[in-house]
N, C-alpha and C. Protein backbone atom coordinates (compact mmCIF):
# COMPACT_ATOMS: atom_id res chain seq x y z
N UNK A 1 22.34 -45.08 78.50
CA UNK A 1 22.02 -43.90 77.75
C UNK A 1 22.83 -43.92 76.47
N UNK A 2 22.18 -43.55 75.39
CA UNK A 2 22.82 -43.52 74.08
C UNK A 2 22.61 -42.14 73.47
N UNK A 3 23.69 -41.55 72.98
CA UNK A 3 23.65 -40.24 72.35
C UNK A 3 24.04 -40.41 70.89
N UNK A 4 23.21 -39.91 69.98
CA UNK A 4 23.48 -40.05 68.55
C UNK A 4 24.34 -38.91 68.03
N UNK A 5 25.21 -39.23 67.09
CA UNK A 5 26.05 -38.24 66.41
C UNK A 5 25.44 -37.88 65.06
N UNK A 6 25.93 -36.81 64.48
CA UNK A 6 25.57 -36.49 63.10
C UNK A 6 24.39 -35.56 62.93
N UNK A 7 23.90 -34.99 64.01
CA UNK A 7 22.80 -34.04 63.92
C UNK A 7 23.35 -32.67 64.32
N UNK A 8 23.40 -31.71 63.41
CA UNK A 8 24.07 -30.44 63.70
C UNK A 8 23.38 -29.56 64.74
N UNK A 9 22.07 -29.57 64.81
CA UNK A 9 21.37 -28.63 65.68
C UNK A 9 20.82 -29.24 66.96
N UNK A 10 20.67 -30.57 66.97
CA UNK A 10 20.08 -31.23 68.13
C UNK A 10 20.92 -32.44 68.53
N UNK A 11 20.70 -32.90 69.75
CA UNK A 11 21.38 -34.09 70.26
C UNK A 11 20.30 -35.07 70.73
N UNK A 12 20.05 -36.14 69.96
CA UNK A 12 19.08 -37.14 70.38
C UNK A 12 19.68 -38.06 71.44
N UNK A 13 18.90 -38.31 72.49
CA UNK A 13 19.34 -39.15 73.60
C UNK A 13 18.22 -40.15 73.89
N UNK A 14 18.58 -41.42 74.10
CA UNK A 14 17.57 -42.42 74.45
C UNK A 14 18.14 -43.43 75.42
N UNK A 15 17.27 -44.21 75.99
CA UNK A 15 17.65 -45.30 76.88
C UNK A 15 18.12 -46.46 76.00
N UNK A 16 19.37 -46.84 76.10
CA UNK A 16 19.92 -47.89 75.24
C UNK A 16 19.32 -49.27 75.52
N UNK A 17 18.64 -49.43 76.64
CA UNK A 17 18.00 -50.71 76.95
C UNK A 17 16.63 -50.85 76.28
N UNK A 18 16.07 -49.72 75.80
CA UNK A 18 14.75 -49.71 75.16
C UNK A 18 14.95 -49.17 73.75
N UNK A 19 15.37 -50.04 72.85
CA UNK A 19 15.78 -49.62 71.50
C UNK A 19 14.67 -48.94 70.72
N UNK A 20 13.44 -49.32 70.92
CA UNK A 20 12.34 -48.72 70.17
C UNK A 20 11.56 -47.71 71.02
N UNK A 21 12.14 -47.31 72.12
CA UNK A 21 11.49 -46.34 72.98
C UNK A 21 11.71 -44.92 72.46
N UNK A 22 11.15 -43.96 73.16
CA UNK A 22 11.26 -42.57 72.71
C UNK A 22 12.66 -42.00 72.90
N UNK A 23 12.94 -40.97 72.16
CA UNK A 23 14.21 -40.24 72.29
C UNK A 23 13.90 -38.82 72.74
N UNK A 24 14.79 -38.26 73.51
CA UNK A 24 14.71 -36.85 73.89
C UNK A 24 15.67 -36.09 72.99
N UNK A 25 15.26 -34.91 72.56
CA UNK A 25 16.10 -34.09 71.69
C UNK A 25 16.46 -32.81 72.42
N UNK A 26 17.76 -32.56 72.54
CA UNK A 26 18.27 -31.38 73.22
C UNK A 26 18.93 -30.46 72.21
N UNK A 27 18.79 -29.17 72.40
CA UNK A 27 19.51 -28.19 71.61
C UNK A 27 21.01 -28.44 71.79
N UNK A 28 21.76 -28.41 70.69
CA UNK A 28 23.19 -28.74 70.75
C UNK A 28 23.97 -27.83 71.69
N UNK A 29 23.64 -26.55 71.72
CA UNK A 29 24.34 -25.62 72.61
C UNK A 29 24.05 -25.94 74.07
N UNK A 30 22.79 -26.24 74.38
CA UNK A 30 22.43 -26.60 75.74
C UNK A 30 23.08 -27.90 76.17
N UNK A 31 23.14 -28.86 75.26
CA UNK A 31 23.78 -30.14 75.56
C UNK A 31 25.27 -29.95 75.86
N UNK A 32 25.93 -29.12 75.07
CA UNK A 32 27.35 -28.86 75.28
C UNK A 32 27.58 -28.20 76.64
N UNK A 33 26.71 -27.29 77.03
CA UNK A 33 26.83 -26.65 78.34
C UNK A 33 26.62 -27.66 79.46
N UNK A 34 25.66 -28.55 79.29
CA UNK A 34 25.38 -29.60 80.27
C UNK A 34 26.59 -30.51 80.45
N UNK A 35 27.17 -30.97 79.35
CA UNK A 35 28.34 -31.85 79.41
C UNK A 35 29.52 -31.11 80.02
N UNK A 36 29.67 -29.84 79.69
CA UNK A 36 30.75 -29.04 80.27
C UNK A 36 30.64 -28.95 81.78
N UNK A 37 29.43 -28.79 82.28
CA UNK A 37 29.20 -28.74 83.72
C UNK A 37 29.49 -30.10 84.37
N UNK A 38 29.12 -31.18 83.71
CA UNK A 38 29.42 -32.51 84.25
C UNK A 38 30.93 -32.72 84.37
N UNK A 39 31.66 -32.33 83.36
CA UNK A 39 33.10 -32.51 83.36
C UNK A 39 33.77 -31.63 84.41
N UNK A 40 33.20 -30.46 84.67
CA UNK A 40 33.78 -29.53 85.66
C UNK A 40 33.52 -30.00 87.09
N UNK A 41 32.56 -30.89 87.22
CA UNK A 41 32.28 -31.44 88.55
C UNK A 41 31.24 -30.68 89.26
């Protein structure tokens, strides 16, 4: 999984094994909440 930096409102995520494949775009606030939950266990 690859997450791109530099986008203020969205977080693009794609499969790093499929370089020309599609990307999913998540709202930055939702992504931050998701990562926070992962870190909390």
